[in-house]
C-alpha atoms as a PDB file:
ATOM      1  CA  UNK A   1      20.636 -26.001  -7.863  1.00  0.00           C
ATOM      2  CA  UNK A   2      23.379 -25.516  -5.529  1.00  0.00           C
ATOM      3  CA  UNK A   3      22.982 -23.029  -2.531  1.00  0.00           C
ATOM      4  CA  UNK A   4      24.014 -19.292  -3.608  1.00  0.00           C
ATOM      5  CA  UNK A   5      27.797 -18.478  -2.916  1.00  0.00           C
ATOM      6  CA  UNK A   6      26.421 -15.081  -2.221  1.00  0.00           C
ATOM      7  CA  UNK A   7      25.854 -14.242   1.373  1.00  0.00           C
ATOM      8  CA  UNK A   8      22.124 -14.520   2.219  1.00  0.00           C
ATOM      9  CA  UNK A   9      20.235 -11.435   3.016  1.00  0.00           C
ATOM     10  CA  UNK A  10      18.826 -10.632   6.618  1.00  0.00           C
ATOM     11  CA  UNK A  11      15.249 -11.308   5.252  1.00  0.00           C
ATOM     12  CA  UNK A  12      16.610 -14.976   3.582  1.00  0.00           C
ATOM     13  CA  UNK A  13      18.132 -15.632   7.273  1.00  0.00           C
ATOM     14  CA  UNK A  14      15.047 -14.741   9.003  1.00  0.00           C
ATOM     15  CA  UNK A  15      13.111 -16.991   6.631  1.00  0.00           C
ATOM     16  CA  UNK A  16      15.332 -19.975   7.310  1.00  0.00           C
ATOM     17  CA  UNK A  17      15.264 -19.401  10.829  1.00  0.00           C
ATOM     18  CA  UNK A  18      11.701 -19.240  11.157  1.00  0.00           C
ATOM     19  CA  UNK A  19      11.143 -22.515   9.181  1.00  0.00           C
ATOM     20  CA  UNK A  20      13.680 -24.080  11.741  1.00  0.00           C
ATOM     21  CA  UNK A  21      11.674 -22.904  14.773  1.00  0.00           C
ATOM     22  CA  UNK A  22       8.629 -24.390  13.080  1.00  0.00           C
ATOM     23  CA  UNK A  23      10.447 -27.735  12.800  1.00  0.00           C
ATOM     24  CA  UNK A  24      11.459 -27.762  16.198  1.00  0.00           C
ATOM     25  CA  UNK A  25       8.223 -26.861  17.274  1.00  0.00           C
ATOM     26  CA  UNK A  26       6.935 -30.005  15.233  1.00  0.00           C
ATOM     27  CA  UNK A  27       9.545 -31.798  17.160  1.00  0.00           C
ATOM     28  CA  UNK A  28      11.305 -32.934  14.272  1.00  0.00           C
ATOM     29  CA  UNK A  29      15.112 -33.255  13.893  1.00  0.00           C
ATOM     30  CA  UNK A  30      16.723 -32.634  10.244  1.00  0.00           C
ATOM     31  CA  UNK A  31      16.682 -36.305   9.211  1.00  0.00           C
ATOM     32  CA  UNK A  32      12.942 -36.551   9.947  1.00  0.00           C
ATOM     33  CA  UNK A  33      12.002 -33.330   8.240  1.00  0.00           C
ATOM     34  CA  UNK A  34      13.985 -34.143   5.196  1.00  0.00           C
ATOM     35  CA  UNK A  35      12.403 -37.766   5.022  1.00  0.00           C
ATOM     36  CA  UNK A  36       9.078 -36.195   5.091  1.00  0.00           C
ATOM     37  CA  UNK A  37       9.827 -33.679   2.499  1.00  0.00           C
ATOM     38  CA  UNK A  38      11.252 -36.104   0.222  1.00  0.00           C
ATOM     39  CA  UNK A  39      14.640 -34.374   0.052  1.00  0.00           C
ATOM     40  CA  UNK A  40      17.967 -34.531   1.828  1.00  0.00           C
ATOM     41  CA  UNK A  41      19.187 -33.347   5.280  1.00  0.00           C
ATOM     42  CA  UNK A  42      21.420 -30.832   3.497  1.00  0.00           C
ATOM     43  CA  UNK A  43      19.088 -29.301   1.719  1.00  0.00           C
ATOM     44  CA  UNK A  44      17.142 -28.700   4.921  1.00  0.00           C
ATOM     45  CA  UNK A  45      20.063 -27.459   6.812  1.00  0.00           C
ATOM     46  CA  UNK A  46      20.807 -25.244   3.809  1.00  0.00           C
ATOM     47  CA  UNK A  47      17.278 -23.672   3.484  1.00  0.00           C
ATOM     48  CA  UNK A  48      17.101 -23.214   7.496  1.00  0.00           C
ATOM     49  CA  UNK A  49      20.763 -21.453   6.970  1.00  0.00           C
ATOM     50  CA  UNK A  50      18.902 -18.792   4.316  1.00  0.00           C
ATOM     51  CA  UNK A  51      21.766 -20.199   1.765  1.00  0.00           C
ATOM     52  CA  UNK A  52      19.177 -21.916  -0.642  1.00  0.00           C
ATOM     53  CA  UNK A  53      16.385 -20.190  -2.523  1.00  0.00           C
ATOM     54  CA  UNK A  54      12.725 -21.107  -1.128  1.00  0.00           C
ATOM     55  CA  UNK A  55       9.711 -20.616  -3.003  1.00  0.00           C
ATOM     56  CA  UNK A  56       6.235 -19.590  -1.589  1.00  0.00           C
ATOM     57  CA  UNK A  57       5.009 -23.030  -2.391  1.00  0.00           C
ATOM     58  CA  UNK A  58       7.885 -24.885  -0.519  1.00  0.00           C
ATOM     59  CA  UNK A  59       7.297 -22.751   2.689  1.00  0.00           C
ATOM     60  CA  UNK A  60       3.401 -23.408   2.525  1.00  0.00           C
ATOM     61  CA  UNK A  61       4.400 -27.336   1.935  1.00  0.00           C
ATOM     62  CA  UNK A  62       6.827 -27.162   4.849  1.00  0.00           C
ATOM     63  CA  UNK A  63       4.567 -25.339   7.211  1.00  0.00           C
ATOM     64  CA  UNK A  64       1.738 -28.196   6.275  1.00  0.00           C
ATOM     65  CA  UNK A  65       4.586 -30.673   7.418  1.00  0.00           C
ATOM     66  CA  UNK A  66       5.222 -28.832  10.435  1.00  0.00           C
ATOM     67  CA  UNK A  67       1.594 -28.914  10.987  1.00  0.00           C
ATOM     68  CA  UNK A  68       1.382 -24.716  11.115  1.00  0.00           C
ATOM     69  CA  UNK A  69      -2.044 -23.828  11.180  1.00  0.00           C
ATOM     70  CA  UNK A  70      -1.497 -19.714  11.520  1.00  0.00           C
ATOM     71  CA  UNK A  71      -2.298 -19.081   7.794  1.00  0.00           C
ATOM     72  CA  UNK A  72      -1.668 -15.335   8.531  1.00  0.00           C
ATOM     73  CA  UNK A  73       1.723 -16.027   9.789  1.00  0.00           C
ATOM     74  CA  UNK A  74       2.519 -18.564   6.833  1.00  0.00           C
ATOM     75  CA  UNK A  75       1.035 -16.047   4.244  1.00  0.00           C
ATOM     76  CA  UNK A  76       3.635 -13.396   5.777  1.00  0.00           C
ATOM     77  CA  UNK A  77       6.832 -16.039   5.658  1.00  0.00           C
ATOM     78  CA  UNK A  78       5.940 -16.569   1.720  1.00  0.00           C
ATOM     79  CA  UNK A  79       6.234 -12.707   1.509  1.00  0.00           C
ATOM     80  CA  UNK A  80       9.995 -13.255   2.724  1.00  0.00           C
ATOM     81  CA  UNK A  81      10.646 -15.758  -0.821  1.00  0.00           C
ATOM     82  CA  UNK A  82      11.858 -15.199  -3.914  1.00  0.00           C
ATOM     83  CA  UNK A  83      15.252 -14.078  -5.246  1.00  0.00           C
ATOM     84  CA  UNK A  84      17.732 -12.002  -3.548  1.00  0.00           C
ATOM     85  CA  UNK A  85      16.312  -8.533  -3.426  1.00  0.00           C
ATOM     86  CA  UNK A  86      18.629  -6.188  -5.560  1.00  0.00           C
ATOM     87  CA  UNK A  87      18.418  -3.128  -3.812  1.00  0.00           C
ATOM     88  CA  UNK A  88      20.287   0.045  -3.777  1.00  0.00           C
ATOM     89  CA  UNK A  89      22.215  -1.282  -0.973  1.00  0.00           C
ATOM     90  CA  UNK A  90      24.385  -3.980  -3.066  1.00  0.00           C
ATOM     91  CA  UNK A  91      26.521  -1.561  -4.383  1.00  0.00           C
ATOM     92  CA  UNK A  92      27.827  -1.099  -0.978  1.00  0.00           C
ATOM     93  CA  UNK A  93      28.615  -4.720  -0.394  1.00  0.00           C
ATOM     94  CA  UNK A  94      32.026  -4.986  -0.663  1.00  0.00           C
ATOM     95  CA  UNK A  95      32.405  -1.627   0.952  1.00  0.00           C
ATOM     96  CA  UNK A  96      30.649  -1.338   4.135  1.00  0.00           C
ATOM     97  CA  UNK A  97      30.106  -4.293   6.945  1.00  0.00           C
ATOM     98  CA  UNK A  98      27.121  -6.511   6.455  1.00  0.00           C
ATOM     99  CA  UNK A  99      24.840  -5.135   9.045  1.00  0.00           C
ATOM    100  CA  UNK A 100      24.671  -1.876   7.324  1.00  0.00           C
ATOM    101  CA  UNK A 101      23.094  -3.368   4.252  1.00  0.00           C
ATOM    102  CA  UNK A 102      20.686  -5.351   6.280  1.00  0.00           C
ATOM    103  CA  UNK A 103      19.446  -2.441   8.240  1.00  0.00           C
ATOM    104  CA  UNK A 104      18.615  -0.841   4.656  1.00  0.00           C
ATOM    105  CA  UNK A 105      17.021  -3.740   3.393  1.00  0.00           C
ATOM    106  CA  UNK A 106      15.105  -3.755   6.704  1.00  0.00           C
ATOM    107  CA  UNK A 107      14.008  -0.265   6.221  1.00  0.00           C
ATOM    108  CA  UNK A 108      12.950  -1.107   2.600  1.00  0.00           C
ATOM    109  CA  UNK A 109      10.555  -3.628   3.582  1.00  0.00           C
ATOM    110  CA  UNK A 110       9.389  -2.519   6.813  1.00  0.00           C
ATOM    111  CA  UNK A 111       5.570  -1.608   7.185  1.00  0.00           C
ATOM    112  CA  UNK A 112       6.403   0.894   9.749  1.00  0.00           C
ATOM    113  CA  UNK A 113       9.278   1.897  12.070  1.00  0.00           C
ATOM    114  CA  UNK A 114       9.613   3.055  15.727  1.00  0.00           C
ATOM    115  CA  UNK A 115      13.173   4.616  16.536  1.00  0.00           C
ATOM    116  CA  UNK A 116      14.196   5.561  19.749  1.00  0.00           C
ATOM    117  CA  UNK A 117      17.368   7.604  20.351  1.00  0.00           C
ATOM    118  CA  UNK A 118      19.699   8.805  23.555  1.00  0.00           C
ATOM    119  CA  UNK A 119      22.478  10.812  22.174  1.00  0.00           C
ATOM    120  CA  UNK A 120      22.284  10.523  18.652  1.00  0.00           C
ATOM    121  CA  UNK A 121      19.597  11.838  16.079  1.00  0.00           C
ATOM    122  CA  UNK A 122      17.726   9.008  13.919  1.00  0.00           C
ATOM    123  CA  UNK A 123      19.888   8.403  10.747  1.00  0.00           C
ATOM    124  CA  UNK A 124      17.125   8.967   8.583  1.00  0.00           C
ATOM    125  CA  UNK A 125      16.063  12.281   9.905  1.00  0.00           C
ATOM    126  CA  UNK A 126      19.744  13.745  10.090  1.00  0.00           C
ATOM    127  CA  UNK A 127      21.027  16.391   7.221  1.00  0.00           C
ATOM    128  CA  UNK A 128      23.986  16.091   5.508  1.00  0.00           C
ATOM    129  CA  UNK A 129      26.025  18.416   7.145  1.00  0.00           C
ATOM    130  CA  UNK A 130      24.945  16.854  10.557  1.00  0.00           C
ATOM    131  CA  UNK A 131      25.403  13.093   9.353  1.00  0.00           C
ATOM    132  CA  UNK A 132      28.894  14.270   8.246  1.00  0.00           C
ATOM    133  CA  UNK A 133      29.906  15.577  11.363  1.00  0.00           C
ATOM    134  CA  UNK A 134      28.806  12.884  13.273  1.00  0.00           C
ATOM    135  CA  UNK A 135      30.927  10.220  11.132  1.00  0.00           C
ATOM    136  CA  UNK A 136      33.960  12.635  11.505  1.00  0.00           C
ATOM    137  CA  UNK A 137      33.597  12.297  15.339  1.00  0.00           C
ATOM    138  CA  UNK A 138      34.220   8.483  15.285  1.00  0.00           C
ATOM    139  CA  UNK A 139      37.329   7.298  17.133  1.00  0.00           C
ATOM    140  CA  UNK A 140      39.469   6.056  15.573  1.00  0.00           C
ATOM    141  CA  UNK A 141      38.849   8.318  12.460  1.00  0.00           C
ATOM    142  CA  UNK A 142      37.403   6.751   9.390  1.00  0.00           C
ATOM    143  CA  UNK A 143      39.749   7.263   6.274  1.00  0.00           C
ATOM    144  CA  UNK A 144      38.388   9.620   3.946  1.00  0.00           C
ATOM    145  CA  UNK A 145      37.060   7.305   1.165  1.00  0.00           C
ATOM    146  CA  UNK A 146      35.161   5.295   3.792  1.00  0.00           C
ATOM    147  CA  UNK A 147      33.566   8.521   5.405  1.00  0.00           C
ATOM    148  CA  UNK A 148      32.438   9.458   2.380  1.00  0.00           C
ATOM    149  CA  UNK A 149      30.716   5.855   1.543  1.00  0.00           C
ATOM    150  CA  UNK A 150      29.144   5.997   5.123  1.00  0.00           C
ATOM    151  CA  UNK A 151      27.569   9.364   4.251  1.00  0.00           C
ATOM    152  CA  UNK A 152      26.450   8.508   1.219  1.00  0.00           C
ATOM    153  CA  UNK A 153      24.836   5.262   2.428  1.00  0.00           C
ATOM    154  CA  UNK A 154      22.905   6.908   5.504  1.00  0.00           C
ATOM    155  CA  UNK A 155      21.584   9.529   2.770  1.00  0.00           C
ATOM    156  CA  UNK A 156      20.362   7.099   0.481  1.00  0.00           C
ATOM    157  CA  UNK A 157      18.707   5.221   3.195  1.00  0.00           C
ATOM    158  CA  UNK A 158      16.408   8.362   3.853  1.00  0.00           C
ATOM    159  CA  UNK A 159      14.558   7.611   0.412  1.00  0.00           C
ATOM    160  CA  UNK A 160      12.145   5.497   2.346  1.00  0.00           C
ATOM    161  CA  UNK A 161      10.727   8.532   3.970  1.00  0.00           C
ATOM    162  CA  UNK A 162       9.997  10.352   0.981  1.00  0.00           C
ATOM    163  CA  UNK A 163       8.499   9.679  -2.370  1.00  0.00           C
ATOM    164  CA  UNK A 164       4.619   8.178  -3.301  1.00  0.00           C
ATOM    165  CA  UNK A 165       4.800   5.483  -0.379  1.00  0.00           C
ATOM    166  CA  UNK A 166       7.066   6.280   2.339  1.00  0.00           C
ATOM    167  CA  UNK A 167       7.184   4.197   5.639  1.00  0.00           C
ATOM    168  CA  UNK A 168       5.384   5.622   8.652  1.00  0.00           C
ATOM    169  CA  UNK A 169       8.226   6.404  10.843  1.00  0.00           C
ATOM    170  CA  UNK A 170       7.824   7.422  14.743  1.00  0.00           C
ATOM    171  CA  UNK A 171      10.380   8.632  16.615  1.00  0.00           C
ATOM    172  CA  UNK A 172      11.169   9.200  20.261  1.00  0.00           C
ATOM    173  CA  UNK A 173      14.341  11.411  20.862  1.00  0.00           C
ATOM    174  CA  UNK A 174      15.904  12.432  24.461  1.00  0.00           C
ATOM    175  CA  UNK A 175      16.574  16.315  24.936  1.00  0.00           C
ATOM    176  CA  UNK A 176      20.114  15.332  24.931  1.00  0.00           C
ATOM    177  CA  UNK A 177      20.304  14.091  21.430  1.00  0.00           C
ATOM    178  CA  UNK A 178      18.946  17.915  20.759  1.00  0.00           C
ATOM    179  CA  UNK A 179      21.736  19.619  22.454  1.00  0.00           C
ATOM    180  CA  UNK A 180      24.894  17.690  21.636  1.00  0.00           C
ATOM    181  CA  UNK A 181      25.841  20.104  18.758  1.00  0.00           C
ATOM    182  CA  UNK A 182      27.511  18.227  16.130  1.00  0.00           C
ATOM    183  CA  UNK A 183      29.246  20.659  13.780  1.00  0.00           C
ATOM    184  CA  UNK A 184      28.628  23.567  15.784  1.00  0.00           C
ATOM    185  CA  UNK A 185      26.053  26.098  15.951  1.00  0.00           C
ATOM    186  CA  UNK A 186      24.919  26.628  12.441  1.00  0.00           C
ATOM    187  CA  UNK A 187      24.761  22.806  11.599  1.00  0.00           C
ATOM    188  CA  UNK A 188      22.911  22.078  14.835  1.00  0.00           C
ATOM    189  CA  UNK A 189      20.308  25.205  14.238  1.00  0.00           C
ATOM    190  CA  UNK A 190      19.835  23.674  10.550  1.00  0.00           C
ATOM    191  CA  UNK A 191      19.380  19.916  11.947  1.00  0.00           C
ATOM    192  CA  UNK A 192      16.866  21.166  14.238  1.00  0.00           C
ATOM    193  CA  UNK A 193      14.878  22.970  11.736  1.00  0.00           C
ATOM    194  CA  UNK A 194      14.872  20.337   9.578  1.00  0.00           C
ATOM    195  CA  UNK A 195      13.837  18.004  12.564  1.00  0.00           C
ATOM    196  CA  UNK A 196      10.588  20.341  12.582  1.00  0.00           C
ATOM    197  CA  UNK A 197      10.085  20.228   9.128  1.00  0.00           C
ATOM    198  CA  UNK A 198       9.917  16.581   8.969  1.00  0.00           C
ATOM    199  CA  UNK A 199       7.742  16.476  11.744  1.00  0.00           C
ATOM    200  CA  UNK A 200       5.165  18.518  10.039  1.00  0.00           C
ATOM    201  CA  UNK A 201       4.846  15.318   7.540  1.00  0.00           C
ATOM    202  CA  UNK A 202       1.894  13.399   7.955  1.00  0.00           C
ATOM    203  CA  UNK A 203       3.656  10.118   8.158  1.00  0.00           C
ATOM    204  CA  UNK A 204       6.382  11.024  10.582  1.00  0.00           C
ATOM    205  CA  UNK A 205       5.901  11.729  14.059  1.00  0.00           C
ATOM    206  CA  UNK A 206       8.614  12.972  16.636  1.00  0.00           C
ATOM    207  CA  UNK A 207       8.379  13.110  20.180  1.00  0.00           C
ATOM    208  CA  UNK A 208      11.002  14.006  22.911  1.00  0.00           C
ATOM    209  CA  UNK A 209      11.840  13.230  26.195  1.00  0.00           C
ATOM    210  CA  UNK A 210      12.770  16.240  28.073  1.00  0.00           C
ATOM    211  CA  UNK A 211      15.444  16.709  30.808  1.00  0.00           C
ATOM    212  CA  UNK A 212      13.738  16.207  34.214  1.00  0.00           C
ATOM    213  CA  UNK A 213      11.666  13.158  33.101  1.00  0.00           C
ATOM    214  CA  UNK A 214      14.020  11.052  35.208  1.00  0.00           C
ATOM    215  CA  UNK A 215      15.415   7.249  34.242  1.00  0.00           C
ATOM    216  CA  UNK A 216      13.944   5.626  31.279  1.00  0.00           C
ATOM    217  CA  UNK A 217      14.580   1.973  29.730  1.00  0.00           C
ATOM    218  CA  UNK A 218      17.556   1.096  27.583  1.00  0.00           C
ATOM    219  CA  UNK A 219      18.921   4.616  28.128  1.00  0.00           C
ATOM    220  CA  UNK A 220      22.034   3.452  26.888  1.00  0.00           C
ATOM    221  CA  UNK A 221      21.344   2.328  23.752  1.00  0.00           C
ATOM    222  CA  UNK A 222      19.653   3.557  20.572  1.00  0.00           C
ATOM    223  CA  UNK A 223      16.626   1.178  19.033  1.00  0.00           C
ATOM    224  CA  UNK A 224      14.774   0.714  16.141  1.00  0.00           C
ATOM    225  CA  UNK A 225      11.730  -1.408  15.930  1.00  0.00           C
ATOM    226  CA  UNK A 226      10.746  -2.784  12.397  1.00  0.00           C
ATOM    227  CA  UNK A 227       7.173  -4.102  11.942  1.00  0.00           C
ATOM    228  CA  UNK A 228       6.132  -6.944   9.624  1.00  0.00           C
ATOM    229  CA  UNK A 229       2.911  -8.004   8.260  1.00  0.00           C
ATOM    230  CA  UNK A 230       2.281 -10.125  11.441  1.00  0.00           C
ATOM    231  CA  UNK A 231       4.396  -9.507  14.697  1.00  0.00           C
ATOM    232  CA  UNK A 232       6.088 -12.465  14.803  1.00  0.00           C
ATOM    233  CA  UNK A 233       8.132 -11.467  11.945  1.00  0.00           C
ATOM    234  CA  UNK A 234       8.956  -7.958  13.393  1.00  0.00           C
ATOM    235  CA  UNK A 235      12.733  -7.258  14.235  1.00  0.00           C
ATOM    236  CA  UNK A 236      14.542  -5.033  16.517  1.00  0.00           C
ATOM    237  CA  UNK A 237      17.919  -3.227  16.083  1.00  0.00           C
ATOM    238  CA  UNK A 238      19.764  -2.315  19.502  1.00  0.00           C
ATOM    239  CA  UNK A 239      22.569   0.082  18.830  1.00  0.00           C
ATOM    240  CA  UNK A 240      25.093   0.709  21.405  1.00  0.00           C
ATOM    241  CA  UNK A 241      28.594   2.299  21.547  1.00  0.00           C
ATOM    242  CA  UNK A 242      30.055  -1.213  21.515  1.00  0.00           C
ATOM    243  CA  UNK A 243      27.887  -3.104  19.271  1.00  0.00           C
ATOM    244  CA  UNK A 244      24.993  -3.219  16.951  1.00  0.00           C
ATOM    245  CA  UNK A 245      22.553  -6.596  16.576  1.00  0.00           C
ATOM    246  CA  UNK A 246      19.235  -7.736  15.452  1.00  0.00           C
ATOM    247  CA  UNK A 247      16.856  -9.368  17.495  1.00  0.00           C
ATOM    248  CA  UNK A 248      13.871 -11.350  16.538  1.00  0.00           C
ATOM    249  CA  UNK A 249      13.109 -14.142  19.401  1.00  0.00           C
ATOM    250  CA  UNK A 250       9.754 -13.763  20.785  1.00  0.00           C
ATOM    251  CA  UNK A 251      10.375 -12.946  24.220  1.00  0.00           C
ATOM    252  CA  UNK A 252      12.886 -10.212  22.961  1.00  0.00           C
ATOM    253  CA  UNK A 253      10.271  -8.881  20.702  1.00  0.00           C
ATOM    254  CA  UNK A 254       7.876  -8.648  23.342  1.00  0.00           C
ATOM    255  CA  UNK A 255      10.319  -7.099  25.855  1.00  0.00           C
ATOM    256  CA  UNK A 256      11.306  -4.334  23.602  1.00  0.00           C
ATOM    257  CA  UNK A 257       7.918  -3.541  22.232  1.00  0.00           C
ATOM    258  CA  UNK A 258       7.058  -3.037  25.910  1.00  0.00           C
ATOM    259  CA  UNK A 259      10.106  -0.969  26.229  1.00  0.00           C
ATOM    260  CA  UNK A 260       9.325   1.326  23.192  1.00  0.00           C
ATOM    261  CA  UNK A 261       5.679   1.614  24.526  1.00  0.00           C
ATOM    262  CA  UNK A 262       6.987   2.662  27.575  1.00  0.00           C
ATOM    263  CA  UNK A 263       9.263   5.624  26.264  1.00  0.00           C
ATOM    264  CA  UNK A 264       6.532   6.770  23.921  1.00  0.00           C
ATOM    265  CA  UNK A 265       4.251   7.322  26.820  1.00  0.00           C
ATOM    266  CA  UNK A 266       7.125   9.140  28.698  1.00  0.00           C
ATOM    267  CA  UNK A 267       7.900  11.686  26.097  1.00  0.00           C
ATOM    268  CA  UNK A 268       6.265  14.751  25.352  1.00  0.00           C
ATOM    269  CA  UNK A 269       3.336  15.119  22.778  1.00  0.00           C
ATOM    270  CA  UNK A 270       4.099  15.887  19.082  1.00  0.00           C
ATOM    271  CA  UNK A 271       3.108  19.094  19.355  1.00  0.00           C
ATOM    272  CA  UNK A 272       4.942  19.884  22.889  1.00  0.00           C
ATOM    273  CA  UNK A 273       7.899  18.292  21.366  1.00  0.00           C
ATOM    274  CA  UNK A 274       7.884  20.938  18.259  1.00  0.00           C
ATOM    275  CA  UNK A 275       7.814  23.688  21.170  1.00  0.00           C
ATOM    276  CA  UNK A 276      11.038  22.372  22.555  1.00  0.00           C
ATOM    277  CA  UNK A 277      12.644  21.764  19.492  1.00  0.00           C
ATOM    278  CA  UNK A 278      11.886  25.232  18.194  1.00  0.00           C
ATOM    279  CA  UNK A 279      12.939  26.875  21.380  1.00  0.00           C
ATOM    280  CA  UNK A 280      16.536  24.967  21.198  1.00  0.00           C
ATOM    281  CA  UNK A 281      16.767  25.860  17.556  1.00  0.00           C
ATOM    282  CA  UNK A 282      16.004  29.837  18.174  1.00  0.00           C
ATOM    283  CA  UNK A 283      18.917  29.555  21.281  1.00  0.00           C
ATOM    284  CA  UNK A 284      21.426  28.384  18.847  1.00  0.00           C
END
């Protein structure tokens, strides 16, 4: 079977990258790995690039060849196998940039999500009016059709926090993001009230870093920490004004887990955070 012409998903790319890391840790080059596996160099390269379908059995075989003895990790890797997940986000593949689809796929599959925001509220907790105001504020402005696609995409992403099996969501938001006022007082007040309502849900935690706390790590960027079945397969997304990217190298994961832990420690308790949000909503 030839490699798929459809671009690999972020999970397929991650599986390939992890298999490459296992091979390199075993100090094998592509030629040696292909010989041990009884296949071709191009097949190994395509697997590691995420462009070739990989079965759970093949993952286990490669893990044995690479002498990986961490069964929890190998079992988690097999969870990344199978065909392309045809999630709802696929309908946007020819409309929005690939990182948008990667984000939706990660949210769909994560076991838990931690989000830190400095000047914007978490997309999963935005009202439609607030999200529209944020999108309309971008410079240069989006064309109306593209803006509507972005809006509908953002709202559809929120399905992961509803339903019978919503993902646990923990957020830490700087007070500045609560005061920006996208859309004017009416929209802002409704957004804050929505944040209060969502924070009452058992699986959602909202914490606020108030003014006066002082400097804090990664103040210039938003951060999403996607938790996987094993920590080695976690993913971090950094979102700045200039760029957005996904990180999965172990030193990077360790660093940003520590950053997120620090932000959670600096923030008010959920109860005190609700009091602050409620006070701001009443003042609008």
